[in-house]
Amino acid sequence: VHARGLPVQETAQVLRREHRRADLGLTER
C-alpha cells in the first residue's frame, strides 16, 4: 500500500478492513 502512495491513515483503515484474525483483539493497533 505504501508503494501505491496511500497515506498512512488510509493504510490503517485498509488493514483494519482486511483484518481476518478473529482471535486477535485491539485492531486499532
mmCIF file of all heavy atoms, coordinates in Angstrom:
data_MODEL
# 
_entry.id   MODEL 
# 
loop_
_atom_site.group_PDB 
_atom_site.id 
_atom_site.type_symbol 
_atom_site.label_atom_id 
_atom_site.label_alt_id 
_atom_site.label_comp_id 
_atom_site.label_asym_id 
_atom_site.label_entity_id 
_atom_site.label_seq_id 
_atom_site.pdbx_PDB_ins_code 
_atom_site.Cartn_x 
_atom_site.Cartn_y 
_atom_site.Cartn_z 
_atom_site.occupancy 
_atom_site.B_iso_or_equiv 
_atom_site.pdbx_formal_charge 
_atom_site.auth_seq_id 
_atom_site.auth_comp_id 
_atom_site.auth_asym_id 
_atom_site.auth_atom_id 
_atom_site.pdbx_PDB_model_num 
ATOM 1   N N   . VAL A 1 1  ? 0.839   -1.201  0.000  1.00 0.00 ? 1  VAL A N   1 
ATOM 2   C CA  . VAL A 1 1  ? 0.000   0.000   0.000  1.00 0.00 ? 1  VAL A CA  1 
ATOM 3   C C   . VAL A 1 1  ? 0.876   1.255   0.000  1.00 0.00 ? 1  VAL A C   1 
ATOM 4   O O   . VAL A 1 1  ? 0.584   2.229   -0.695 1.00 0.00 ? 1  VAL A O   1 
ATOM 5   C CB  . VAL A 1 1  ? -0.985  -0.033  1.191  1.00 0.00 ? 1  VAL A CB  1 
ATOM 6   C CG1 . VAL A 1 1  ? -1.763  1.253   1.294  1.00 0.00 ? 1  VAL A CG1 1 
ATOM 7   C CG2 . VAL A 1 1  ? -1.934  -1.224  1.066  1.00 0.00 ? 1  VAL A CG2 1 
ATOM 8   N N   . HIS A 1 2  ? 1.961   1.232   0.742  1.00 0.00 ? 2  HIS A N   1 
ATOM 9   C CA  . HIS A 1 2  ? 2.899   2.360   0.758  1.00 0.00 ? 2  HIS A CA  1 
ATOM 10  C C   . HIS A 1 2  ? 3.445   2.611   -0.645 1.00 0.00 ? 2  HIS A C   1 
ATOM 11  O O   . HIS A 1 2  ? 3.545   3.764   -1.081 1.00 0.00 ? 2  HIS A O   1 
ATOM 12  C CB  . HIS A 1 2  ? 4.051   2.075   1.737  1.00 0.00 ? 2  HIS A CB  1 
ATOM 13  C CG  . HIS A 1 2  ? 5.070   3.151   1.804  1.00 0.00 ? 2  HIS A CG  1 
ATOM 14  N ND1 . HIS A 1 2  ? 6.172   3.182   0.975  1.00 0.00 ? 2  HIS A ND1 1 
ATOM 15  C CD2 . HIS A 1 2  ? 5.162   4.250   2.606  1.00 0.00 ? 2  HIS A CD2 1 
ATOM 16  C CE1 . HIS A 1 2  ? 6.904   4.249   1.264  1.00 0.00 ? 2  HIS A CE1 1 
ATOM 17  N NE2 . HIS A 1 2  ? 6.313   4.911   2.243  1.00 0.00 ? 2  HIS A NE2 1 
ATOM 18  N N   . ALA A 1 3  ? 3.774   1.552   -1.358 1.00 0.00 ? 3  ALA A N   1 
ATOM 19  C CA  . ALA A 1 3  ? 4.310   1.685   -2.716 1.00 0.00 ? 3  ALA A CA  1 
ATOM 20  C C   . ALA A 1 3  ? 3.301   2.331   -3.663 1.00 0.00 ? 3  ALA A C   1 
ATOM 21  O O   . ALA A 1 3  ? 3.698   2.974   -4.644 1.00 0.00 ? 3  ALA A O   1 
ATOM 22  C CB  . ALA A 1 3  ? 4.735   0.314   -3.247 1.00 0.00 ? 3  ALA A CB  1 
ATOM 23  N N   . ARG A 1 4  ? 2.023   2.191   -3.359 1.00 0.00 ? 4  ARG A N   1 
ATOM 24  C CA  . ARG A 1 4  ? 0.979   2.827   -4.178 1.00 0.00 ? 4  ARG A CA  1 
ATOM 25  C C   . ARG A 1 4  ? 0.761   4.282   -3.793 1.00 0.00 ? 4  ARG A C   1 
ATOM 26  O O   . ARG A 1 4  ? -0.032  4.974   -4.424 1.00 0.00 ? 4  ARG A O   1 
ATOM 27  C CB  . ARG A 1 4  ? -0.344  2.065   -4.048 1.00 0.00 ? 4  ARG A CB  1 
ATOM 28  C CG  . ARG A 1 4  ? -0.304  0.698   -4.707 1.00 0.00 ? 4  ARG A CG  1 
ATOM 29  C CD  . ARG A 1 4  ? -1.646  -0.019  -4.772 1.00 0.00 ? 4  ARG A CD  1 
ATOM 30  N NE  . ARG A 1 4  ? -2.765  0.634   -4.179 1.00 0.00 ? 4  ARG A NE  1 
ATOM 31  C CZ  . ARG A 1 4  ? -3.606  0.076   -3.297 1.00 0.00 ? 4  ARG A CZ  1 
ATOM 32  N NH1 . ARG A 1 4  ? -3.418  -1.156  -2.909 1.00 0.00 ? 4  ARG A NH1 1 
ATOM 33  N NH2 . ARG A 1 4  ? -4.634  0.753   -2.826 1.00 0.00 ? 4  ARG A NH2 1 
ATOM 34  N N   . GLY A 1 5  ? 1.419   4.744   -2.728 1.00 0.00 ? 5  GLY A N   1 
ATOM 35  C CA  . GLY A 1 5  ? 1.322   6.138   -2.330 1.00 0.00 ? 5  GLY A CA  1 
ATOM 36  C C   . GLY A 1 5  ? 0.153   6.483   -1.435 1.00 0.00 ? 5  GLY A C   1 
ATOM 37  O O   . GLY A 1 5  ? -0.161  7.654   -1.245 1.00 0.00 ? 5  GLY A O   1 
ATOM 38  N N   . LEU A 1 6  ? -0.501  5.486   -0.863 1.00 0.00 ? 6  LEU A N   1 
ATOM 39  C CA  . LEU A 1 6  ? -1.644  5.747   0.004  1.00 0.00 ? 6  LEU A CA  1 
ATOM 40  C C   . LEU A 1 6  ? -1.162  6.357   1.324  1.00 0.00 ? 6  LEU A C   1 
ATOM 41  O O   . LEU A 1 6  ? -0.171  5.898   1.889  1.00 0.00 ? 6  LEU A O   1 
ATOM 42  C CB  . LEU A 1 6  ? -2.378  4.431   0.286  1.00 0.00 ? 6  LEU A CB  1 
ATOM 43  C CG  . LEU A 1 6  ? -3.840  4.491   0.669  1.00 0.00 ? 6  LEU A CG  1 
ATOM 44  C CD1 . LEU A 1 6  ? -4.674  5.109   -0.462 1.00 0.00 ? 6  LEU A CD1 1 
ATOM 45  C CD2 . LEU A 1 6  ? -4.355  3.106   0.975  1.00 0.00 ? 6  LEU A CD2 1 
ATOM 46  N N   . PRO A 1 7  ? -1.833  7.397   1.831  1.00 0.00 ? 7  PRO A N   1 
ATOM 47  C CA  . PRO A 1 7  ? -1.446  7.978   3.125  1.00 0.00 ? 7  PRO A CA  1 
ATOM 48  C C   . PRO A 1 7  ? -1.577  6.947   4.244  1.00 0.00 ? 7  PRO A C   1 
ATOM 49  O O   . PRO A 1 7  ? -2.407  6.041   4.186  1.00 0.00 ? 7  PRO A O   1 
ATOM 50  C CB  . PRO A 1 7  ? -2.442  9.120   3.330  1.00 0.00 ? 7  PRO A CB  1 
ATOM 51  C CG  . PRO A 1 7  ? -2.996  9.407   1.980  1.00 0.00 ? 7  PRO A CG  1 
ATOM 52  C CD  . PRO A 1 7  ? -2.956  8.112   1.219  1.00 0.00 ? 7  PRO A CD  1 
ATOM 53  N N   . VAL A 1 8  ? -0.790  7.122   5.275  1.00 0.00 ? 8  VAL A N   1 
ATOM 54  C CA  . VAL A 1 8  ? -0.733  6.143   6.353  1.00 0.00 ? 8  VAL A CA  1 
ATOM 55  C C   . VAL A 1 8  ? -2.087  5.962   7.045  1.00 0.00 ? 8  VAL A C   1 
ATOM 56  O O   . VAL A 1 8  ? -2.444  4.846   7.429  1.00 0.00 ? 8  VAL A O   1 
ATOM 57  C CB  . VAL A 1 8  ? 0.386   6.487   7.361  1.00 0.00 ? 8  VAL A CB  1 
ATOM 58  C CG1 . VAL A 1 8  ? 0.052   7.741   8.159  1.00 0.00 ? 8  VAL A CG1 1 
ATOM 59  C CG2 . VAL A 1 8  ? 0.656   5.312   8.270  1.00 0.00 ? 8  VAL A CG2 1 
ATOM 60  N N   . GLN A 1 9  ? -2.872  7.031   7.192  1.00 0.00 ? 9  GLN A N   1 
ATOM 61  C CA  . GLN A 1 9  ? -4.172  6.898   7.844  1.00 0.00 ? 9  GLN A CA  1 
ATOM 62  C C   . GLN A 1 9  ? -5.094  5.981   7.027  1.00 0.00 ? 9  GLN A C   1 
ATOM 63  O O   . GLN A 1 9  ? -5.828  5.170   7.588  1.00 0.00 ? 9  GLN A O   1 
ATOM 64  C CB  . GLN A 1 9  ? -4.836  8.273   8.033  1.00 0.00 ? 9  GLN A CB  1 
ATOM 65  C CG  . GLN A 1 9  ? -4.137  9.163   9.037  1.00 0.00 ? 9  GLN A CG  1 
ATOM 66  C CD  . GLN A 1 9  ? -2.919  9.894   8.446  1.00 0.00 ? 9  GLN A CD  1 
ATOM 67  O OE1 . GLN A 1 9  ? -2.608  9.777   7.259  1.00 0.00 ? 9  GLN A OE1 1 
ATOM 68  N NE2 . GLN A 1 9  ? -2.221  10.620  9.288  1.00 0.00 ? 9  GLN A NE2 1 
ATOM 69  N N   . GLU A 1 10 ? -5.039  6.110   5.716  1.00 0.00 ? 10 GLU A N   1 
ATOM 70  C CA  . GLU A 1 10 ? -5.856  5.236   4.864  1.00 0.00 ? 10 GLU A CA  1 
ATOM 71  C C   . GLU A 1 10 ? -5.325  3.809   4.893  1.00 0.00 ? 10 GLU A C   1 
ATOM 72  O O   . GLU A 1 10 ? -6.100  2.857   4.840  1.00 0.00 ? 10 GLU A O   1 
ATOM 73  C CB  . GLU A 1 10 ? -5.884  5.779   3.442  1.00 0.00 ? 10 GLU A CB  1 
ATOM 74  C CG  . GLU A 1 10 ? -6.684  7.061   3.318  1.00 0.00 ? 10 GLU A CG  1 
ATOM 75  C CD  . GLU A 1 10 ? -6.724  7.587   1.889  1.00 0.00 ? 10 GLU A CD  1 
ATOM 76  O OE1 . GLU A 1 10 ? -6.838  6.761   0.957  1.00 0.00 ? 10 GLU A OE1 1 
ATOM 77  O OE2 . GLU A 1 10 ? -6.623  8.810   1.723  1.00 0.00 ? 10 GLU A OE2 1 
ATOM 78  N N   . THR A 1 11 ? -4.019  3.668   4.994  1.00 0.00 ? 11 THR A N   1 
ATOM 79  C CA  . THR A 1 11 ? -3.435  2.332   5.093  1.00 0.00 ? 11 THR A CA  1 
ATOM 80  C C   . THR A 1 11 ? -3.933  1.631   6.347  1.00 0.00 ? 11 THR A C   1 
ATOM 81  O O   . THR A 1 11 ? -4.277  0.449   6.321  1.00 0.00 ? 11 THR A O   1 
ATOM 82  C CB  . THR A 1 11 ? -1.900  2.416   5.102  1.00 0.00 ? 11 THR A CB  1 
ATOM 83  O OG1 . THR A 1 11 ? -1.478  3.008   3.875  1.00 0.00 ? 11 THR A OG1 1 
ATOM 84  C CG2 . THR A 1 11 ? -1.261  1.052   5.260  1.00 0.00 ? 11 THR A CG2 1 
ATOM 85  N N   . ALA A 1 12 ? -4.000  2.370   7.452  1.00 0.00 ? 12 ALA A N   1 
ATOM 86  C CA  . ALA A 1 12 ? -4.509  1.789   8.695  1.00 0.00 ? 12 ALA A CA  1 
ATOM 87  C C   . ALA A 1 12 ? -5.950  1.320   8.515  1.00 0.00 ? 12 ALA A C   1 
ATOM 88  O O   . ALA A 1 12 ? -6.330  0.240   8.993  1.00 0.00 ? 12 ALA A O   1 
ATOM 89  C CB  . ALA A 1 12 ? -4.403  2.810   9.825  1.00 0.00 ? 12 ALA A CB  1 
ATOM 90  N N   . GLN A 1 13 ? -6.753  2.099   7.800  1.00 0.00 ? 13 GLN A N   1 
ATOM 91  C CA  . GLN A 1 13 ? -8.145  1.700   7.548  1.00 0.00 ? 13 GLN A CA  1 
ATOM 92  C C   . GLN A 1 13 ? -8.204  0.448   6.677  1.00 0.00 ? 13 GLN A C   1 
ATOM 93  O O   . GLN A 1 13 ? -9.017  -0.448  6.916  1.00 0.00 ? 13 GLN A O   1 
ATOM 94  C CB  . GLN A 1 13 ? -8.899  2.848   6.895  1.00 0.00 ? 13 GLN A CB  1 
ATOM 95  C CG  . GLN A 1 13 ? -9.105  4.021   7.820  1.00 0.00 ? 13 GLN A CG  1 
ATOM 96  C CD  . GLN A 1 13 ? -9.665  5.245   7.112  1.00 0.00 ? 13 GLN A CD  1 
ATOM 97  O OE1 . GLN A 1 13 ? -9.728  5.308   5.893  1.00 0.00 ? 13 GLN A OE1 1 
ATOM 98  N NE2 . GLN A 1 13 ? -10.071 6.230   7.899  1.00 0.00 ? 13 GLN A NE2 1 
ATOM 99  N N   . VAL A 1 14 ? -7.342  0.376   5.673  1.00 0.00 ? 14 VAL A N   1 
ATOM 100 C CA  . VAL A 1 14 ? -7.278  -0.811  4.810  1.00 0.00 ? 14 VAL A CA  1 
ATOM 101 C C   . VAL A 1 14 ? -6.924  -2.037  5.645  1.00 0.00 ? 14 VAL A C   1 
ATOM 102 O O   . VAL A 1 14 ? -7.561  -3.088  5.534  1.00 0.00 ? 14 VAL A O   1 
ATOM 103 C CB  . VAL A 1 14 ? -6.249  -0.612  3.668  1.00 0.00 ? 14 VAL A CB  1 
ATOM 104 C CG1 . VAL A 1 14 ? -5.929  -1.929  2.972  1.00 0.00 ? 14 VAL A CG1 1 
ATOM 105 C CG2 . VAL A 1 14 ? -6.751  0.417   2.672  1.00 0.00 ? 14 VAL A CG2 1 
ATOM 106 N N   . LEU A 1 15 ? -5.925  -1.905  6.493  1.00 0.00 ? 15 LEU A N   1 
ATOM 107 C CA  . LEU A 1 15 ? -5.500  -3.034  7.325  1.00 0.00 ? 15 LEU A CA  1 
ATOM 108 C C   . LEU A 1 15 ? -6.638  -3.508  8.224  1.00 0.00 ? 15 LEU A C   1 
ATOM 109 O O   . LEU A 1 15 ? -6.863  -4.706  8.367  1.00 0.00 ? 15 LEU A O   1 
ATOM 110 C CB  . LEU A 1 15 ? -4.295  -2.643  8.185  1.00 0.00 ? 15 LEU A CB  1 
ATOM 111 C CG  . LEU A 1 15 ? -2.980  -2.430  7.455  1.00 0.00 ? 15 LEU A CG  1 
ATOM 112 C CD1 . LEU A 1 15 ? -1.940  -1.863  8.407  1.00 0.00 ? 15 LEU A CD1 1 
ATOM 113 C CD2 . LEU A 1 15 ? -2.480  -3.716  6.827  1.00 0.00 ? 15 LEU A CD2 1 
ATOM 114 N N   . ARG A 1 16 ? -7.344  -2.585  8.819  1.00 0.00 ? 16 ARG A N   1 
ATOM 115 C CA  . ARG A 1 16 ? -8.432  -2.977  9.713  1.00 0.00 ? 16 ARG A CA  1 
ATOM 116 C C   . ARG A 1 16 ? -9.567  -3.649  8.944  1.00 0.00 ? 16 ARG A C   1 
ATOM 117 O O   . ARG A 1 16 ? -10.144 -4.628  9.396  1.00 0.00 ? 16 ARG A O   1 
ATOM 118 C CB  . ARG A 1 16 ? -8.964  -1.778  10.490 1.00 0.00 ? 16 ARG A CB  1 
ATOM 119 C CG  . ARG A 1 16 ? -9.954  -2.227  11.563 1.00 0.00 ? 16 ARG A CG  1 
ATOM 120 C CD  . ARG A 1 16 ? -9.927  -1.318  12.748 1.00 0.00 ? 16 ARG A CD  1 
ATOM 121 N NE  . ARG A 1 16 ? -10.623 -1.914  13.869 1.00 0.00 ? 16 ARG A NE  1 
ATOM 122 C CZ  . ARG A 1 16 ? -11.710 -1.392  14.408 1.00 0.00 ? 16 ARG A CZ  1 
ATOM 123 N NH1 . ARG A 1 16 ? -12.229 -0.283  13.943 1.00 0.00 ? 16 ARG A NH1 1 
ATOM 124 N NH2 . ARG A 1 16 ? -12.278 -1.975  15.435 1.00 0.00 ? 16 ARG A NH2 1 
ATOM 125 N N   . ARG A 1 17 ? -9.884  -3.116  7.763  1.00 0.00 ? 17 ARG A N   1 
ATOM 126 C CA  . ARG A 1 17 ? -10.935 -3.735  6.936  1.00 0.00 ? 17 ARG A CA  1 
ATOM 127 C C   . ARG A 1 17 ? -10.543 -5.160  6.539  1.00 0.00 ? 17 ARG A C   1 
ATOM 128 O O   . ARG A 1 17 ? -11.383 -6.039  6.455  1.00 0.00 ? 17 ARG A O   1 
ATOM 129 C CB  . ARG A 1 17 ? -11.151 -2.909  5.661  1.00 0.00 ? 17 ARG A CB  1 
ATOM 130 C CG  . ARG A 1 17 ? -12.321 -1.984  5.703  1.00 0.00 ? 17 ARG A CG  1 
ATOM 131 C CD  . ARG A 1 17 ? -12.713 -1.438  4.350  1.00 0.00 ? 17 ARG A CD  1 
ATOM 132 N NE  . ARG A 1 17 ? -11.629 -1.125  3.446  1.00 0.00 ? 17 ARG A NE  1 
ATOM 133 C CZ  . ARG A 1 17 ? -10.992 0.047   3.364  1.00 0.00 ? 17 ARG A CZ  1 
ATOM 134 N NH1 . ARG A 1 17 ? -11.325 1.035   4.149  1.00 0.00 ? 17 ARG A NH1 1 
ATOM 135 N NH2 . ARG A 1 17 ? -10.026 0.233   2.491  1.00 0.00 ? 17 ARG A NH2 1 
ATOM 136 N N   . GLU A 1 18 ? -9.276  -5.363  6.260  1.00 0.00 ? 18 GLU A N   1 
ATOM 137 C CA  . GLU A 1 18 ? -8.800  -6.667  5.783  1.00 0.00 ? 18 GLU A CA  1 
ATOM 138 C C   . GLU A 1 18 ? -8.427  -7.620  6.916  1.00 0.00 ? 18 GLU A C   1 
ATOM 139 O O   . GLU A 1 18 ? -8.100  -8.772  6.652  1.00 0.00 ? 18 GLU A O   1 
ATOM 140 C CB  . GLU A 1 18 ? -7.589  -6.470  4.877  1.00 0.00 ? 18 GLU A CB  1 
ATOM 141 C CG  . GLU A 1 18 ? -7.915  -5.721  3.603  1.00 0.00 ? 18 GLU A CG  1 
ATOM 142 C CD  . GLU A 1 18 ? -6.692  -5.469  2.742  1.00 0.00 ? 18 GLU A CD  1 
ATOM 143 O OE1 . GLU A 1 18 ? -5.551  -5.727  3.192  1.00 0.00 ? 18 GLU A OE1 1 
ATOM 144 O OE2 . GLU A 1 18 ? -6.873  -5.008  1.604  1.00 0.00 ? 18 GLU A OE2 1 
ATOM 145 N N   . HIS A 1 19 ? -8.444  -7.147  8.141  1.00 0.00 ? 19 HIS A N   1 
ATOM 146 C CA  . HIS A 1 19 ? -8.052  -7.953  9.295  1.00 0.00 ? 19 HIS A CA  1 
ATOM 147 C C   . HIS A 1 19 ? -8.915  -9.216  9.346  1.00 0.00 ? 19 HIS A C   1 
ATOM 148 O O   . HIS A 1 19 ? -10.129 -9.139  9.381  1.00 0.00 ? 19 HIS A O   1 
ATOM 149 C CB  . HIS A 1 19 ? -8.222  -7.132  10.573 1.00 0.00 ? 19 HIS A CB  1 
ATOM 150 C CG  . HIS A 1 19 ? -7.936  -7.882  11.821 1.00 0.00 ? 19 HIS A CG  1 
ATOM 151 N ND1 . HIS A 1 19 ? -6.677  -8.333  12.134 1.00 0.00 ? 19 HIS A ND1 1 
ATOM 152 C CD2 . HIS A 1 19 ? -8.737  -8.272  12.828 1.00 0.00 ? 19 HIS A CD2 1 
ATOM 153 C CE1 . HIS A 1 19 ? -6.723  -8.963  13.287 1.00 0.00 ? 19 HIS A CE1 1 
ATOM 154 N NE2 . HIS A 1 19 ? -7.970  -8.932  13.733 1.00 0.00 ? 19 HIS A NE2 1 
ATOM 155 N N   . ARG A 1 20 ? -8.279  -10.372 9.335  1.00 0.00 ? 20 ARG A N   1 
ATOM 156 C CA  . ARG A 1 20 ? -9.025  -11.615 9.241  1.00 0.00 ? 20 ARG A CA  1 
ATOM 157 C C   . ARG A 1 20 ? -8.844  -12.538 10.450 1.00 0.00 ? 20 ARG A C   1 
ATOM 158 O O   . ARG A 1 20 ? -9.349  -13.627 10.464 1.00 0.00 ? 20 ARG A O   1 
ATOM 159 C CB  . ARG A 1 20 ? -8.602  -12.376 7.990  1.00 0.00 ? 20 ARG A CB  1 
ATOM 160 C CG  . ARG A 1 20 ? -8.758  -11.552 6.731  1.00 0.00 ? 20 ARG A CG  1 
ATOM 161 C CD  . ARG A 1 20 ? -9.406  -12.301 5.625  1.00 0.00 ? 20 ARG A CD  1 
ATOM 162 N NE  . ARG A 1 20 ? -9.463  -11.692 4.325  1.00 0.00 ? 20 ARG A NE  1 
ATOM 163 C CZ  . ARG A 1 20 ? -9.638  -10.443 3.983  1.00 0.00 ? 20 ARG A CZ  1 
ATOM 164 N NH1 . ARG A 1 20 ? -9.712  -9.532  4.892  1.00 0.00 ? 20 ARG A NH1 1 
ATOM 165 N NH2 . ARG A 1 20 ? -9.712  -10.033 2.745  1.00 0.00 ? 20 ARG A NH2 1 
ATOM 166 N N   . ARG A 1 21 ? -8.105  -12.093 11.438 1.00 0.00 ? 21 ARG A N   1 
ATOM 167 C CA  . ARG A 1 21 ? -7.828  -12.946 12.589 1.00 0.00 ? 21 ARG A CA  1 
ATOM 168 C C   . ARG A 1 21 ? -8.822  -12.655 13.706 1.00 0.00 ? 21 ARG A C   1 
ATOM 169 O O   . ARG A 1 21 ? -8.648  -11.726 14.479 1.00 0.00 ? 21 ARG A O   1 
ATOM 170 C CB  . ARG A 1 21 ? -6.399  -12.713 13.089 1.00 0.00 ? 21 ARG A CB  1 
ATOM 171 C CG  . ARG A 1 21 ? -5.294  -13.111 12.142 1.00 0.00 ? 21 ARG A CG  1 
ATOM 172 C CD  . ARG A 1 21 ? -4.915  -14.565 12.233 1.00 0.00 ? 21 ARG A CD  1 
ATOM 173 N NE  . ARG A 1 21 ? -4.614  -15.015 13.559 1.00 0.00 ? 21 ARG A NE  1 
ATOM 174 C CZ  . ARG A 1 21 ? -3.392  -15.145 14.057 1.00 0.00 ? 21 ARG A CZ  1 
ATOM 175 N NH1 . ARG A 1 21 ? -2.343  -14.837 13.354 1.00 0.00 ? 21 ARG A NH1 1 
ATOM 176 N NH2 . ARG A 1 21 ? -3.235  -15.583 15.287 1.00 0.00 ? 21 ARG A NH2 1 
ATOM 177 N N   . ALA A 1 22 ? -9.867  -13.461 13.787 1.00 0.00 ? 22 ALA A N   1 
ATOM 178 C CA  . ALA A 1 22 ? -10.898 -13.266 14.807 1.00 0.00 ? 22 ALA A CA  1 
ATOM 179 C C   . ALA A 1 22 ? -10.342 -13.472 16.212 1.00 0.00 ? 22 ALA A C   1 
ATOM 180 O O   . ALA A 1 22 ? -10.909 -12.994 17.185 1.00 0.00 ? 22 ALA A O   1 
ATOM 181 C CB  . ALA A 1 22 ? -12.056 -14.217 14.559 1.00 0.00 ? 22 ALA A CB  1 
ATOM 182 N N   . ASP A 1 23 ? -9.191  -14.165 16.317 1.00 0.00 ? 23 ASP A N   1 
ATOM 183 C CA  . ASP A 1 23 ? -8.623  -14.438 17.634 1.00 0.00 ? 23 ASP A CA  1 
ATOM 184 C C   . ASP A 1 23 ? -7.786  -13.275 18.159 1.00 0.00 ? 23 ASP A C   1 
ATOM 185 O O   . ASP A 1 23 ? -7.279  -13.328 19.265 1.00 0.00 ? 23 ASP A O   1 
ATOM 186 C CB  . ASP A 1 23 ? -7.769  -15.707 17.589 1.00 0.00 ? 23 ASP A CB  1 
ATOM 187 C CG  . ASP A 1 23 ? -6.591  -15.606 16.630 1.00 0.00 ? 23 ASP A CG  1 
ATOM 188 O OD1 . ASP A 1 23 ? -6.738  -14.991 15.557 1.00 0.00 ? 23 ASP A OD1 1 
ATOM 189 O OD2 . ASP A 1 23 ? -5.514  -16.147 16.949 1.00 0.00 ? 23 ASP A OD2 1 
ATOM 190 N N   . LEU A 1 24 ? -7.643  -12.210 17.377 1.00 0.00 ? 24 LEU A N   1 
ATOM 191 C CA  . LEU A 1 24 ? -6.834  -11.069 17.802 1.00 0.00 ? 24 LEU A CA  1 
ATOM 192 C C   . LEU A 1 24 ? -7.709  -9.842  18.026 1.00 0.00 ? 24 LEU A C   1 
ATOM 193 O O   . LEU A 1 24 ? -8.429  -9.404  17.132 1.00 0.00 ? 24 LEU A O   1 
ATOM 194 C CB  . LEU A 1 24 ? -5.767  -10.739 16.750 1.00 0.00 ? 24 LEU A CB  1 
ATOM 195 C CG  . LEU A 1 24 ? -4.712  -11.809 16.481 1.00 0.00 ? 24 LEU A CG  1 
ATOM 196 C CD1 . LEU A 1 24 ? -3.737  -11.331 15.426 1.00 0.00 ? 24 LEU A CD1 1 
ATOM 197 C CD2 . LEU A 1 24 ? -3.978  -12.190 17.759 1.00 0.00 ? 24 LEU A CD2 1 
ATOM 198 N N   . GLY A 1 25 ? -7.626  -9.283  19.203 1.00 0.00 ? 25 GLY A N   1 
ATOM 199 C CA  . GLY A 1 25 ? -8.345  -8.065  19.526 1.00 0.00 ? 25 GLY A CA  1 
ATOM 200 C C   . GLY A 1 25 ? -7.476  -6.840  19.347 1.00 0.00 ? 25 GLY A C   1 
ATOM 201 O O   . GLY A 1 25 ? -6.338  -6.921  18.870 1.00 0.00 ? 25 GLY A O   1 
ATOM 202 N N   . LEU A 1 26 ? -7.985  -5.701  19.741 1.00 0.00 ? 26 LEU A N   1 
ATOM 203 C CA  . LEU A 1 26 ? -7.283  -4.423  19.700 1.00 0.00 ? 26 LEU A CA  1 
ATOM 204 C C   . LEU A 1 26 ? -6.782  -4.082  18.295 1.00 0.00 ? 26 LEU A C   1 
ATOM 205 O O   . LEU A 1 26 ? -5.635  -3.686  18.090 1.00 0.00 ? 26 LEU A O   1 
ATOM 206 C CB  . LEU A 1 26 ? -6.132  -4.404  20.712 1.00 0.00 ? 26 LEU A CB  1 
ATOM 207 C CG  . LEU A 1 26 ? -6.532  -4.638  22.166 1.00 0.00 ? 26 LEU A CG  1 
ATOM 208 C CD1 . LEU A 1 26 ? -5.313  -4.712  23.062 1.00 0.00 ? 26 LEU A CD1 1 
ATOM 209 C CD2 . LEU A 1 26 ? -7.498  -3.583  22.661 1.00 0.00 ? 26 LEU A CD2 1 
ATOM 210 N N   . THR A 1 27 ? -7.686  -4.183  17.336 1.00 0.00 ? 27 THR A N   1 
ATOM 211 C CA  . THR A 1 27 ? -7.287  -3.947  15.940 1.00 0.00 ? 27 THR A CA  1 
ATOM 212 C C   . THR A 1 27 ? -6.891  -2.501  15.669 1.00 0.00 ? 27 THR A C   1 
ATOM 213 O O   . THR A 1 27 ? -6.259  -2.230  14.641 1.00 0.00 ? 27 THR A O   1 
ATOM 214 C CB  . THR A 1 27 ? -8.410  -4.366  14.972 1.00 0.00 ? 27 THR A CB  1 
ATOM 215 O OG1 . THR A 1 27 ? -9.598  -3.648  15.302 1.00 0.00 ? 27 THR A OG1 1 
ATOM 216 C CG2 . THR A 1 27 ? -8.665  -5.857  15.049 1.00 0.00 ? 27 THR A CG2 1 
ATOM 217 N N   . GLU A 1 28 ? -7.219  -1.576  16.586 1.00 0.00 ? 28 GLU A N   1 
ATOM 218 C CA  . GLU A 1 28 ? -6.762  -0.204  16.389 1.00 0.00 ? 28 GLU A CA  1 
ATOM 219 C C   . GLU A 1 28 ? -5.235  -0.112  16.406 1.00 0.00 ? 28 GLU A C   1 
ATOM 220 O O   . GLU A 1 28 ? -4.656  0.834   15.882 1.00 0.00 ? 28 GLU A O   1 
ATOM 221 C CB  . GLU A 1 28 ? -7.375  0.734   17.440 1.00 0.00 ? 28 GLU A CB  1 
ATOM 222 C CG  . GLU A 1 28 ? -6.976  0.456   18.863 1.00 0.00 ? 28 GLU A CG  1 
ATOM 223 C CD  . GLU A 1 28 ? -7.831  -0.587  19.570 1.00 0.00 ? 28 GLU A CD  1 
ATOM 224 O OE1 . GLU A 1 28 ? -8.664  -1.255  18.925 1.00 0.00 ? 28 GLU A OE1 1 
ATOM 225 O OE2 . GLU A 1 28 ? -7.657  -0.733  20.800 1.00 0.00 ? 28 GLU A OE2 1 
ATOM 226 N N   . ARG A 1 29 ? -4.583  -1.118  16.957 1.00 0.00 ? 29 ARG A N   1 
ATOM 227 C CA  . ARG A 1 29 ? -3.120  -1.140  16.962 1.00 0.00 ? 29 ARG A CA  1 
ATOM 228 C C   . ARG A 1 29 ? -2.540  -1.269  15.554 1.00 0.00 ? 29 ARG A C   1 
ATOM 229 O O   . ARG A 1 29 ? -1.365  -1.012  15.348 1.00 0.00 ? 29 ARG A O   1 
ATOM 230 C CB  . ARG A 1 29 ? -2.618  -2.277  17.835 1.00 0.00 ? 29 ARG A CB  1 
ATOM 231 C CG  . ARG A 1 29 ? -2.851  -2.048  19.303 1.00 0.00 ? 29 ARG A CG  1 
ATOM 232 C CD  . ARG A 1 29 ? -2.349  -3.225  20.087 1.00 0.00 ? 29 ARG A CD  1 
ATOM 233 N NE  . ARG A 1 29 ? -2.431  -2.994  21.519 1.00 0.00 ? 29 ARG A NE  1 
ATOM 234 C CZ  . ARG A 1 29 ? -2.127  -3.919  22.411 1.00 0.00 ? 29 ARG A CZ  1 
ATOM 235 N NH1 . ARG A 1 29 ? -1.724  -5.124  22.017 1.00 0.00 ? 29 ARG A NH1 1 
ATOM 236 N NH2 . ARG A 1 29 ? -2.219  -3.646  23.690 1.00 0.00 ? 29 ARG A NH2 1 
# 
